[in-house]
Every structure is written in C-alpha cells, then in structure tokens.
Amino acid sequence: MAAGIIPIILSGGAGTRLWPLSRAARPKQFLSFGREEAGGRHSLFQQAALRCRGLPFDPRPVVVGADDHRFLLAENLARIGIAADILLEPAPRNTCAAVAAGCLQALARAPDALVAVLAADHHIPEGGAFAQAMREAAPDARDGRLVAFGVRPDRPATGYGYILPGRRLRRAMAVERFVEKPAAARAERFVAESWLWNSGNFLFRADAFLDELARLQPAILDAVRAAHGGARPDLDFLRLDEASFTAAPAVAVDRAVMERTDRAAVLPVGYRWSDVGSWDTVGGMIDGDEAGNAVVGEAALVAASGNLVHSPDRLTALVGVRDTVVVSTRDCLLVMPKAHAGDVGGLVERLAAEGRPEAVETLLTLRPWGSYERLDRGDGYQVKRTVVAPGGVLSLQKHAHRAEHWVVVTGEAEVTIGGQTRTLLPGQSAYVPQGTVHRLANRGAEPAVLIEVQTGSYLGEDDIVRLEDVYNRKAGE
C-alpha cells in the first residue's frame, strides 16, 4: 500500500501572462514572487512540492513536466531535498494526458493509490489548511468520487471556473454544475449564490479516474497507456514514448472528465489560493505600503498609489502614477494599467510572431552544469558570464562557426582543449580556436566563474557538435 496520498504535480505550463519575468525558457512555476510567510524564497514549483511534505502525503511525488524543463525540475527538487518520479512529456498535450500518465505511474507503485493532482504554479500559503483539506476529502475519494477543491470567492472574478455544489456526501458535496470563466454579471450572481471557484486541484483514486477516462475519453487513455508502457529511463527521468504520447488528443482534464462524469464532488475550502495567472494577482501576494503599492526590488515612489513594481535589478521611480504594473528586467520593461494585466499573453504572441528572442529567451540561462548570462552582444561577438557548479561538466564539443576565449574570475576551472587538459586559476585564461574539440569542468568545491568571449560568424546555441555529454542533451540545450 502507498504510505499516503501520492501527489501528482503538473508542471507543463508556459506562463506567458507573467512576461517578461516568465518566459518559455523559464516559466512562472520556476520563479518566486514576493515574500513567503513560512520563510525563504522558493519557486512556485518548490512551494507545491513542499506543501506535500509530511502526512497525509507519500514522501515521493510524481512530477509530470516538459522535456525542455527537465533539468529545472531536477534542480528545484534537489534544492529542497525531495526525490520524485519525474515523467517527461515529449510534447504538450494539455492536462488530461498528463494526469493519466501520473495516475499510471502511481498505480505502478500502489494498486490502491490515492492521488492529489496539483498545479505547479499555484500560490497556497496556508500549508496546514491545505493538508487538512486533503484529509477531509479522502473518505469521499476512497469511495470512488473525483473530488475537486472549491475555493470560496472573495470577488466576482471572470478568469476562473465556477462549481455549483449540491447534496452532501461524506465531507464533500456532489457537483451540480461546472461553468468556465463567466462574464462579469454572471460571476457576480455566482458569488451571491455561493458558487465556488474551481481551483484545478483534485483528489481521487487513480483507478477511479482511469475508469472514467476509459469511458469518456478512451483515445487519451489508450495513447497514454502506450506511452507509459513504452517509457524509458534517462538519468533521473522517465521519458514517455513520443509517438504514443503525441497521439493523445490535447484536452484539459476538466473538459475531458470532470465536467462530464457523474462521480464529481467538491470540497469547499477556506484557505487562500491564487493561480498566479496575471500580474495583478501577483500584486495580491505581496505586502503593500500604506498607499497600496506592492514592490519587489528597489523603487522610489512619489504621489503614487495602487501600483505593482517588480524591479530587482535596478531602481525604478514612479511619480504621480496610479494602478499601474511596472516590471523591469535587464532586457525588457513592461508598463501597463492593472486593468490590462490579462492582455500580456497577446503581447507575447505578437513578439514571438515578429521573431523577437525576448518573447521566449532570458539573459540568464540555466544548464544542468550551472548557468550562463549574456552580458553584451554585437556584430560578430558575444560576452557571457559563465558559472560552473561544483562537479559540473560541460559536454565534450566543438563549434563550426565560433572561437571562444575564457577568463577565470573566481574558483578553479578544468579546461580540455585539443586533447590537452589543465587547470585555470583566477586571472588565468584559455583560447579555443574555431572547430577545436574542448570541454570545461569544475572539479573543485566552489563555483567556477568565467567571463567568456565568443567571436565568429554565427553565435547561436545550436552551433554545438556534442561528442560526449553526461546529461544526454541535444544541440541547443
């Protein structure tokens, strides 16, 4: 038997509505916002995993995430000391296929598995109340009910789905009706009539969910069952079979199952919850000043009220500004009225269509061996700050179109160039001619920090021919 409820944490979203902080290369679930009541500044994904530490949960969650984010998932979990079954989606197929894969993995561990399906990018600061809600919902879930957690609304929000609760079961209530994102007038009526927000988090027996999926969406189950059966291990990950998984219809779990099943139940909960879906919701997570300004980073505010300022890298000044969102990163600046916070996704689509790299890339890029940050770029050259973590090893590689010059700033770097290996200390440098096989590693106990200057006719990350790689990556990763 399982030691407890097995968490299935879904981490496949792109989070474009929180651009420019959240981008495809590092979406919102891997970012931290504001000040956590429990202490520390964990990412939203880490918060989701930490909420499931201790009873009534099984200590090893199942994580279903994008292949492109696999090293972010592993690093985030390692930093908080949690081991997990990490299932990699070869392509996004919406949430129903991901939930099915998680349920199959849970059943492989325990035939009577009770699973909690949780989004990786939600903000629930009251961990004790969250765990208690899971305990309360468990009897109905064990009876075969698919239990949703319904948040009592504090306003008529139009960006959330709503649930109308019906008759009492054990602790939960049967679902009378689901409604997705109503118009403002209808949302006001729902709040007055005690409808609940659909939090998108669920508790059920894994086999009960799969039974309903077989009845309602057999094509999804058949594809995911084949993908899970054909999965192959890769380092600490389990890769779902690509051909099988991509054959699954892309449907949200709410639409595929929860809105159609007669087993749906809802447990009303009173804890604070947000899906962190836009910049105005981020403002609600941060303590404001007496004028209602919420600030992360440095800001100088004069005659300003009701603003959200996110500017960790530089001073941002506002004079006479009200109800405005200002998000400043090293390469982008976003300014908009709070009333337009829902329009950011459309902006990102436009930037992507125009081929702007800022739509998806960040200046800081995380790698399994460490990170690099672009400091400057011009015609035929690029300058980076590269950090190799202790034990980090870059691939043995060569470049067809560029040469590289490395200067060690702190720590020690082991460099292999043309078959010759030596150790560089702070202030020492090495040159890698175009086309020469090379490798960089850190065998020491402290991070190795280097300034890297690249020169050549093409400086894209896909100009890498990997000869050996301990992380099994493709070119460009």
Protein backbone atom coordinates (compact mmCIF):
# COMPACT_ATOMS: atom_id res chain seq x y z
CA MET A 1 0.00 0.00 0.00
CA ALA A 2 1.04 3.60 -0.54
CA ALA A 3 2.37 5.40 2.51
CA GLY A 4 -0.12 8.18 1.86
CA ILE A 5 -1.67 10.33 -0.83
CA ILE A 6 0.67 10.39 -3.84
CA PRO A 7 0.99 13.96 -5.17
CA ILE A 8 0.92 14.33 -8.96
CA ILE A 9 2.41 17.75 -9.70
CA LEU A 10 1.70 19.09 -13.19
CA SER A 11 4.43 21.39 -14.49
CA GLY A 12 3.82 21.82 -18.20
CA GLY A 13 2.69 25.45 -18.48
CA ALA A 14 4.49 28.30 -20.23
CA GLY A 15 3.20 31.21 -18.10
CA THR A 16 3.23 33.85 -20.85
CA ARG A 17 0.86 36.14 -18.94
CA LEU A 18 3.68 36.89 -16.49
CA TRP A 19 6.12 38.02 -19.18
CA PRO A 20 8.81 39.39 -19.09
CA LEU A 21 9.73 37.58 -15.87
CA SER A 22 8.18 34.30 -17.03
CA ARG A 23 9.28 33.07 -20.45
CA ALA A 24 9.23 29.75 -22.26
CA ALA A 25 12.84 29.04 -21.26
CA ARG A 26 11.99 29.56 -17.58
CA PRO A 27 8.21 29.74 -16.97
CA LYS A 28 6.48 31.02 -13.87
CA GLN A 29 6.46 27.76 -11.91
CA PHE A 30 10.24 28.08 -11.57
CA LEU A 31 10.08 31.66 -10.28
CA SER A 32 9.47 33.08 -6.83
CA PHE A 33 7.18 36.01 -6.13
CA GLY A 34 7.01 38.16 -3.05
CA ARG A 35 7.76 37.11 0.50
CA GLU A 36 6.75 33.68 1.71
CA GLU A 37 5.05 33.56 5.09
CA ALA A 38 6.86 30.34 6.01
CA GLY A 39 10.26 31.88 5.25
CA GLY A 40 12.53 31.52 2.27
CA ARG A 41 12.01 32.39 -1.36
CA HIS A 42 11.06 29.13 -3.04
CA SER A 43 9.78 28.88 -6.59
CA LEU A 44 6.10 28.13 -7.08
CA PHE A 45 7.03 24.59 -8.10
CA GLN A 46 9.09 24.14 -4.94
CA GLN A 47 6.21 25.50 -2.86
CA ALA A 48 3.88 22.91 -4.42
CA ALA A 49 6.29 20.09 -3.55
CA LEU A 50 6.89 21.40 -0.01
CA ARG A 51 3.14 21.60 0.66
CA CYS A 52 3.11 17.83 0.21
CA ARG A 53 5.90 17.10 2.67
CA GLY A 54 4.67 15.11 5.67
CA LEU A 55 1.33 13.49 6.41
CA PRO A 56 -1.05 12.70 4.78
CA PHE A 57 1.22 12.53 1.71
CA ASP A 58 3.51 9.90 0.29
CA PRO A 59 7.07 11.29 0.53
CA ARG A 60 7.80 10.70 -3.17
CA PRO A 61 5.63 12.78 -5.53
CA VAL A 62 5.09 12.13 -9.22
CA VAL A 63 6.03 15.12 -11.37
CA VAL A 64 4.84 15.41 -14.97
CA GLY A 65 6.68 18.12 -16.85
CA ALA A 66 8.04 19.28 -20.18
CA ASP A 67 11.17 17.66 -21.56
CA ASP A 68 12.69 21.12 -22.12
CA HIS A 69 12.41 21.85 -18.39
CA ARG A 70 13.73 18.55 -17.06
CA PHE A 71 16.90 19.98 -15.52
CA LEU A 72 14.95 22.85 -13.94
CA LEU A 73 12.63 20.28 -12.37
CA ALA A 74 15.52 18.20 -11.07
CA GLU A 75 17.43 21.20 -9.72
CA ASN A 76 14.36 22.67 -7.99
CA LEU A 77 13.67 19.36 -6.26
CA ALA A 78 17.32 18.79 -5.30
CA ARG A 79 17.50 22.21 -3.64
CA ILE A 80 14.67 21.28 -1.25
CA GLY A 81 15.77 17.68 -0.71
CA ILE A 82 12.79 15.95 -2.34
CA ALA A 83 13.12 12.89 -4.56
CA ALA A 84 10.40 12.32 -7.17
CA ASP A 85 9.33 10.22 -10.12
CA ILE A 86 9.81 12.74 -12.96
CA LEU A 87 7.83 11.88 -16.11
CA LEU A 88 8.79 13.84 -19.21
CA GLU A 89 6.19 14.85 -21.79
CA PRO A 90 7.72 14.80 -25.28
CA ALA A 91 5.11 17.36 -26.41
CA PRO A 92 2.37 19.37 -24.66
CA ARG A 93 -0.99 17.55 -24.76
CA ASN A 94 -2.86 19.63 -22.17
CA THR A 95 -3.61 18.41 -18.66
CA CYS A 96 -5.72 15.28 -19.16
CA ALA A 97 -2.93 13.25 -20.73
CA ALA A 98 -0.53 14.44 -18.03
CA VAL A 99 -2.93 13.40 -15.25
CA ALA A 100 -3.42 9.99 -16.88
CA ALA A 101 0.35 9.45 -17.04
CA GLY A 102 0.70 10.42 -13.39
CA CYS A 103 -2.08 8.02 -12.39
CA LEU A 104 -0.47 5.14 -14.27
CA GLN A 105 2.83 5.84 -12.52
CA ALA A 106 1.09 5.94 -9.12
CA LEU A 107 -0.67 2.64 -9.81
CA ALA A 108 2.66 1.08 -10.69
CA ARG A 109 3.72 1.89 -7.14
CA ALA A 110 0.47 1.06 -5.32
CA PRO A 111 -2.65 -0.66 -6.73
CA ASP A 112 -4.92 1.31 -4.37
CA ALA A 113 -3.15 4.66 -4.92
CA LEU A 114 -4.97 7.79 -3.84
CA VAL A 115 -3.56 10.74 -5.81
CA ALA A 116 -3.68 14.51 -5.39
CA VAL A 117 -3.48 16.30 -8.75
CA LEU A 118 -1.82 19.66 -8.17
CA ALA A 119 -0.76 22.53 -10.41
CA ALA A 120 2.90 23.52 -10.06
CA ASP A 121 2.19 27.24 -10.38
CA HIS A 122 -0.44 27.94 -7.70
CA HIS A 123 0.03 30.02 -4.57
CA ILE A 124 -1.40 28.46 -1.39
CA PRO A 125 0.40 29.98 1.61
CA GLU A 126 -1.52 28.06 4.29
CA GLY A 127 0.05 24.63 4.06
CA GLY A 128 -1.63 23.28 7.18
CA ALA A 129 -5.11 24.12 5.91
CA PHE A 130 -4.25 22.60 2.54
CA ALA A 131 -3.17 19.29 4.15
CA GLN A 132 -6.29 19.26 6.33
CA ALA A 133 -8.48 19.68 3.23
CA MET A 134 -6.80 16.63 1.72
CA ARG A 135 -7.59 14.62 4.85
CA GLU A 136 -11.22 15.73 4.78
CA ALA A 137 -11.66 14.85 1.12
CA ALA A 138 -10.01 11.43 1.42
CA PRO A 139 -13.11 9.40 2.52
CA ASP A 140 -15.14 10.56 -0.49
CA ALA A 141 -12.19 9.95 -2.80
CA ARG A 142 -11.77 6.42 -1.45
CA ASP A 143 -15.48 5.87 -2.20
CA GLY A 144 -14.67 6.48 -5.89
CA ARG A 145 -15.52 10.17 -6.08
CA LEU A 146 -13.38 12.55 -8.12
CA VAL A 147 -13.05 15.42 -5.65
CA ALA A 148 -12.31 18.99 -6.72
CA PHE A 149 -11.29 21.65 -4.21
CA GLY A 150 -13.61 24.64 -4.41
CA VAL A 151 -12.34 27.98 -3.11
CA ARG A 152 -14.85 30.38 -1.61
CA PRO A 153 -14.70 33.51 -3.82
CA ASP A 154 -13.78 36.89 -2.38
CA ARG A 155 -14.74 38.72 -5.59
CA PRO A 156 -16.63 38.02 -8.86
CA ALA A 157 -13.54 37.01 -10.86
CA THR A 158 -14.12 36.28 -14.55
CA GLY A 159 -10.84 34.41 -15.10
CA TYR A 160 -11.75 31.36 -13.01
CA GLY A 161 -14.10 28.44 -13.48
CA TYR A 162 -17.01 28.03 -11.03
CA ILE A 163 -18.59 24.99 -9.36
CA LEU A 164 -22.13 24.75 -8.01
CA PRO A 165 -22.14 22.36 -5.01
CA GLY A 166 -25.10 20.06 -4.44
CA ARG A 167 -26.04 17.43 -1.87
CA ARG A 168 -23.76 16.49 0.99
CA LEU A 169 -21.72 13.28 0.68
CA ARG A 170 -19.32 12.25 3.48
CA ARG A 171 -17.37 15.51 3.78
CA ALA A 172 -17.51 16.76 0.21
CA MET A 173 -20.58 17.69 -1.85
CA ALA A 174 -21.81 16.34 -5.18
CA VAL A 175 -21.20 18.69 -8.10
CA GLU A 176 -24.32 20.11 -9.68
CA ARG A 177 -22.59 22.06 -12.43
CA PHE A 178 -19.29 23.42 -13.76
CA VAL A 179 -19.12 26.78 -15.59
CA GLU A 180 -15.94 28.09 -17.21
CA LYS A 181 -14.93 31.77 -16.89
CA PRO A 182 -18.31 33.55 -16.85
CA ALA A 183 -18.94 37.13 -17.87
CA ALA A 184 -18.86 39.77 -15.11
CA ALA A 185 -22.62 39.92 -14.41
CA ARG A 186 -22.87 36.16 -14.25
CA ALA A 187 -19.82 35.93 -11.98
CA GLU A 188 -21.47 38.39 -9.58
CA ARG A 189 -24.55 36.20 -9.46
CA PHE A 190 -22.46 33.08 -8.86
CA VAL A 191 -20.75 34.70 -5.88
CA ALA A 192 -24.12 35.77 -4.44
CA GLU A 193 -25.44 32.22 -4.88
CA SER A 194 -22.43 30.58 -3.10
CA TRP A 195 -20.81 29.00 -6.10
CA LEU A 196 -17.12 28.09 -5.63
CA TRP A 197 -14.03 28.77 -7.67
CA ASN A 198 -12.62 25.66 -9.32
CA SER A 199 -9.02 25.58 -8.06
CA GLY A 200 -7.97 22.98 -10.62
CA ASN A 201 -6.61 20.71 -7.86
CA PHE A 202 -8.18 17.29 -7.34
CA LEU A 203 -8.11 14.17 -5.17
CA PHE A 204 -9.21 10.71 -6.33
CA ARG A 205 -8.26 7.08 -6.59
CA ALA A 206 -6.02 6.65 -9.59
CA ASP A 207 -8.02 3.66 -10.80
CA ALA A 208 -11.33 5.54 -10.44
CA PHE A 209 -10.04 8.37 -12.63
CA LEU A 210 -8.71 5.98 -15.26
CA ASP A 211 -12.01 4.10 -15.30
CA GLU A 212 -13.86 7.33 -16.09
CA LEU A 213 -11.25 8.29 -18.66
CA ALA A 214 -11.73 4.91 -20.38
CA ARG A 215 -15.46 5.59 -20.53
CA LEU A 216 -15.35 9.25 -21.56
CA GLN A 217 -12.08 9.69 -23.49
CA PRO A 218 -10.72 6.25 -24.42
CA ALA A 219 -8.39 7.66 -27.08
CA ILE A 220 -6.48 9.61 -24.43
CA LEU A 221 -6.12 6.62 -22.14
CA ASP A 222 -5.04 4.29 -24.95
CA ALA A 223 -2.34 6.72 -26.12
CA VAL A 224 -1.04 7.49 -22.64
CA ARG A 225 -1.09 3.85 -21.56
CA ALA A 226 1.08 3.01 -24.58
CA ALA A 227 3.35 5.99 -23.85
CA HIS A 228 3.81 4.95 -20.23
CA GLY A 229 4.31 1.30 -21.15
CA GLY A 230 6.99 2.31 -23.66
CA ALA A 231 8.69 4.83 -21.38
CA ARG A 232 12.46 4.63 -20.98
CA PRO A 233 14.70 5.81 -18.14
CA ASP A 234 17.12 8.66 -18.83
CA LEU A 235 19.29 9.70 -15.86
CA ASP A 236 16.79 10.58 -13.12
CA PHE A 237 13.87 10.92 -15.55
CA LEU A 238 11.33 8.65 -17.22
CA ARG A 239 10.72 9.61 -20.84
CA LEU A 240 7.21 8.86 -22.08
CA ASP A 241 7.21 7.30 -25.55
CA GLU A 242 6.98 10.17 -28.03
CA ALA A 243 4.99 8.55 -30.83
CA SER A 244 2.35 7.20 -28.46
CA PHE A 245 2.04 10.29 -26.27
CA THR A 246 1.68 12.76 -29.14
CA ALA A 247 -1.22 10.65 -30.46
CA ALA A 248 -3.28 11.60 -27.38
CA PRO A 249 -5.92 14.31 -28.00
CA ALA A 250 -4.96 17.58 -26.30
CA VAL A 251 -7.81 18.19 -23.85
CA ALA A 252 -7.94 19.72 -20.38
CA VAL A 253 -8.82 17.33 -17.57
CA ASP A 254 -11.80 19.48 -16.56
CA ARG A 255 -13.35 19.31 -20.01
CA ALA A 256 -12.42 15.68 -20.67
CA VAL A 257 -13.58 14.18 -17.38
CA MET A 258 -14.59 16.44 -14.51
CA GLU A 259 -17.38 18.28 -16.35
CA ARG A 260 -18.81 15.03 -17.78
CA THR A 261 -18.53 12.45 -15.01
CA ASP A 262 -21.32 11.66 -12.54
CA ARG A 263 -18.68 10.96 -9.89
CA ALA A 264 -17.59 14.60 -9.48
CA ALA A 265 -17.56 16.06 -5.97
CA VAL A 266 -16.32 19.29 -4.48
CA LEU A 267 -14.91 20.12 -1.06
CA PRO A 268 -15.32 23.81 -0.12
CA VAL A 269 -12.05 25.22 1.29
CA GLY A 270 -11.30 28.47 3.02
CA TYR A 271 -7.56 28.76 2.52
CA ARG A 272 -6.08 31.48 0.35
CA TRP A 273 -5.46 30.43 -3.22
CA SER A 274 -4.32 32.01 -6.46
CA ASP A 275 -3.36 30.51 -9.80
CA VAL A 276 -0.84 33.38 -10.23
CA GLY A 277 -2.31 33.89 -13.65
CA SER A 278 -1.50 37.56 -14.23
CA TRP A 279 0.48 40.44 -12.80
CA ASP A 280 -2.47 41.82 -10.86
CA THR A 281 -2.72 38.52 -8.94
CA VAL A 282 1.00 38.73 -8.15
CA GLY A 283 0.32 42.10 -6.55
CA GLY A 284 -2.09 40.42 -4.15
CA MET A 285 0.71 38.12 -2.92
CA ILE A 286 2.99 40.97 -1.85
CA ASP A 287 2.54 43.17 1.20
CA GLY A 288 1.82 46.73 0.09
CA ASP A 289 2.65 50.08 1.69
CA GLU A 290 0.09 52.47 3.13
CA ALA A 291 -0.71 53.71 -0.38
CA GLY A 292 -1.29 50.20 -1.71
CA ASN A 293 1.96 49.95 -3.65
CA ALA A 294 3.46 46.45 -3.81
CA VAL A 295 7.19 46.43 -4.54
CA VAL A 296 9.74 43.71 -5.25
CA GLY A 297 13.25 45.13 -5.58
CA GLU A 298 14.04 48.84 -5.49
CA ALA A 299 11.53 51.60 -6.18
CA ALA A 300 11.18 55.30 -5.42
CA LEU A 301 7.50 56.31 -5.31
CA VAL A 302 6.16 59.86 -5.12
CA ALA A 303 2.41 60.59 -5.10
CA ALA A 304 1.89 57.04 -6.35
CA SER A 305 -0.77 54.56 -5.23
CA GLY A 306 -2.06 51.09 -6.02
CA ASN A 307 0.92 50.14 -8.16
CA LEU A 308 2.88 46.91 -8.56
CA VAL A 309 6.60 47.37 -9.20
CA HIS A 310 8.83 44.37 -9.86
CA SER A 311 12.37 45.65 -10.35
CA PRO A 312 15.02 43.52 -8.63
CA ASP A 313 17.94 44.63 -10.84
CA ARG A 314 17.67 48.42 -10.85
CA LEU A 315 15.97 51.39 -9.22
CA THR A 316 12.58 52.18 -10.76
CA ALA A 317 10.95 55.54 -9.97
CA LEU A 318 7.23 56.39 -10.27
CA VAL A 319 5.79 59.89 -9.88
CA GLY A 320 2.05 60.55 -9.86
CA VAL A 321 1.21 57.06 -11.13
CA ARG A 322 -1.81 55.02 -10.04
CA ASP A 323 -2.95 51.42 -10.53
CA THR A 324 -0.07 50.55 -12.85
CA VAL A 325 2.11 47.48 -13.27
CA VAL A 326 5.81 48.10 -13.93
CA VAL A 327 8.04 45.04 -14.49
CA SER A 328 11.70 45.71 -15.17
CA THR A 329 14.25 43.08 -16.20
CA ARG A 330 17.73 43.58 -17.61
CA ASP A 331 16.48 43.28 -21.19
CA CYS A 332 12.79 44.28 -21.07
CA LEU A 333 10.46 46.83 -19.50
CA LEU A 334 6.70 46.27 -19.22
CA VAL A 335 4.37 49.14 -18.26
CA MET A 336 0.58 48.76 -18.26
CA PRO A 337 -2.54 49.69 -16.30
CA LYS A 338 -3.62 46.92 -13.94
CA ALA A 339 -6.88 46.69 -15.88
CA HIS A 340 -4.90 45.37 -18.88
CA ALA A 341 -3.00 42.68 -16.97
CA GLY A 342 -4.88 39.99 -18.90
CA ASP A 343 -3.54 41.25 -22.23
CA VAL A 344 0.10 40.23 -21.74
CA GLY A 345 -0.36 36.83 -23.39
CA GLY A 346 -1.40 38.52 -26.63
CA LEU A 347 1.66 40.77 -26.45
CA VAL A 348 3.96 37.76 -26.15
CA GLU A 349 2.28 36.12 -29.15
CA ARG A 350 2.95 39.25 -31.18
CA LEU A 351 6.61 39.40 -30.10
CA ALA A 352 7.07 35.73 -30.96
CA ALA A 353 5.47 36.24 -34.38
CA GLU A 354 7.93 39.09 -35.00
CA GLY A 355 10.82 36.79 -34.13
CA ARG A 356 11.84 38.71 -31.02
CA PRO A 357 14.05 36.47 -28.86
CA GLU A 358 12.80 38.28 -25.75
CA ALA A 359 9.48 36.51 -26.20
CA VAL A 360 10.96 33.18 -25.11
CA GLU A 361 14.58 33.66 -24.00
CA THR A 362 16.10 35.23 -20.91
CA LEU A 363 19.56 36.71 -20.47
CA LEU A 364 20.21 34.14 -17.72
CA THR A 365 20.11 30.57 -18.98
CA LEU A 366 20.21 27.62 -16.59
CA ARG A 367 22.02 24.45 -17.54
CA PRO A 368 22.44 21.16 -15.63
CA TRP A 369 26.12 22.08 -15.04
CA GLY A 370 25.40 25.68 -13.90
CA SER A 371 24.36 28.78 -15.85
CA TYR A 372 25.42 31.49 -18.23
CA GLU A 373 24.28 35.09 -18.57
CA ARG A 374 24.66 37.23 -21.67
CA LEU A 375 26.40 40.50 -20.81
CA ASP A 376 26.88 42.02 -24.24
CA ARG A 377 26.32 41.15 -27.88
CA GLY A 378 27.25 42.81 -31.15
CA ASP A 379 28.19 42.11 -34.75
CA GLY A 380 30.39 39.02 -34.62
CA TYR A 381 30.87 38.82 -30.86
CA GLN A 382 29.11 37.89 -27.63
CA VAL A 383 30.18 38.16 -23.98
CA LYS A 384 28.85 35.84 -21.27
CA ARG A 385 29.31 35.30 -17.55
CA THR A 386 29.50 31.53 -17.11
CA VAL A 387 29.14 29.76 -13.76
CA VAL A 388 30.07 26.08 -13.49
CA ALA A 389 28.76 24.47 -10.31
CA PRO A 390 30.98 22.15 -8.26
CA GLY A 391 31.02 18.82 -10.09
CA GLY A 392 29.57 20.41 -13.24
CA VAL A 393 30.89 19.12 -16.55
CA LEU A 394 30.10 20.68 -19.92
CA SER A 395 29.90 18.39 -22.92
CA LEU A 396 32.95 17.49 -24.99
CA GLN A 397 32.15 19.63 -28.02
CA LYS A 398 33.24 21.78 -30.91
CA HIS A 399 31.83 24.75 -32.82
CA ALA A 400 31.77 25.20 -36.57
CA HIS A 401 31.38 28.97 -36.61
CA ARG A 402 32.92 30.48 -33.49
CA ALA A 403 36.00 30.66 -31.30
CA GLU A 404 35.94 31.17 -27.53
CA HIS A 405 38.18 32.89 -25.00
CA TRP A 406 37.71 32.03 -21.31
CA VAL A 407 38.97 34.07 -18.35
CA VAL A 408 38.55 32.63 -14.84
CA VAL A 409 37.26 35.17 -12.31
CA THR A 410 36.75 33.01 -9.21
CA GLY A 411 37.20 29.32 -8.42
CA GLU A 412 39.11 26.79 -10.49
CA ALA A 413 38.22 25.54 -13.96
CA GLU A 414 39.50 22.40 -15.63
CA VAL A 415 39.81 23.02 -19.37
CA THR A 416 40.41 20.46 -22.08
CA ILE A 417 41.39 21.88 -25.47
CA GLY A 418 42.55 19.72 -28.36
CA GLY A 419 43.17 16.76 -26.05
CA GLN A 420 45.28 18.76 -23.54
CA THR A 421 43.86 19.26 -20.02
CA ARG A 422 44.93 21.84 -17.45
CA THR A 423 43.51 23.76 -14.51
CA LEU A 424 42.97 27.52 -14.67
CA LEU A 425 43.09 29.69 -11.54
CA PRO A 426 41.60 33.20 -11.12
CA GLY A 427 43.12 35.62 -13.62
CA GLN A 428 44.25 32.88 -16.00
CA SER A 429 42.72 32.33 -19.43
CA ALA A 430 42.42 29.91 -22.32
CA TYR A 431 41.62 30.26 -26.03
CA VAL A 432 39.55 27.74 -28.00
CA PRO A 433 40.04 28.06 -31.78
CA GLN A 434 37.10 27.53 -34.08
CA GLY A 435 36.47 23.83 -34.73
CA THR A 436 38.67 22.61 -31.84
CA VAL A 437 37.31 19.91 -29.54
CA HIS A 438 37.08 21.20 -25.97
CA ARG A 439 35.46 20.76 -22.57
CA LEU A 440 35.07 22.79 -19.39
CA ALA A 441 34.60 21.27 -15.92
CA ASN A 442 34.71 22.19 -12.24
CA ARG A 443 36.41 19.60 -10.07
CA GLY A 444 36.56 21.91 -7.04
CA ALA A 445 34.25 22.59 -4.10
CA GLU A 446 33.32 26.17 -5.06
CA PRO A 447 31.56 27.54 -8.17
CA ALA A 448 33.87 28.46 -11.02
CA VAL A 449 33.00 31.82 -12.57
CA LEU A 450 34.35 32.72 -16.00
CA ILE A 451 33.97 35.55 -18.48
CA GLU A 452 33.53 34.03 -21.93
CA VAL A 453 34.05 36.00 -25.13
CA GLN A 454 32.74 34.36 -28.31
CA THR A 455 33.71 35.58 -31.77
CA GLY A 456 32.60 34.31 -35.14
CA SER A 457 30.14 34.46 -37.99
CA TYR A 458 27.35 32.67 -36.08
CA LEU A 459 26.89 32.60 -32.30
CA GLY A 460 23.68 30.59 -31.83
CA GLU A 461 23.47 27.92 -29.16
CA ASP A 462 22.73 25.29 -31.81
CA ASP A 463 26.29 25.63 -33.14
CA ILE A 464 27.38 22.76 -30.91
CA VAL A 465 28.56 19.34 -32.03
CA ARG A 466 28.47 17.18 -28.89
CA LEU A 467 30.87 14.27 -28.82
CA GLU A 468 30.19 13.26 -25.20
CA ASP A 469 27.64 14.54 -22.70
CA VAL A 470 26.92 13.20 -19.22
CA TYR A 471 23.44 14.82 -19.33
CA ASN A 472 22.28 13.25 -22.65
CA ARG A 473 21.33 16.58 -24.21
CA LYS A 474 20.60 17.61 -27.78
CA ALA A 475 22.27 20.51 -29.58
CA GLY A 476 20.99 23.86 -28.29
CA GLU A 477 20.16 22.57 -24.80
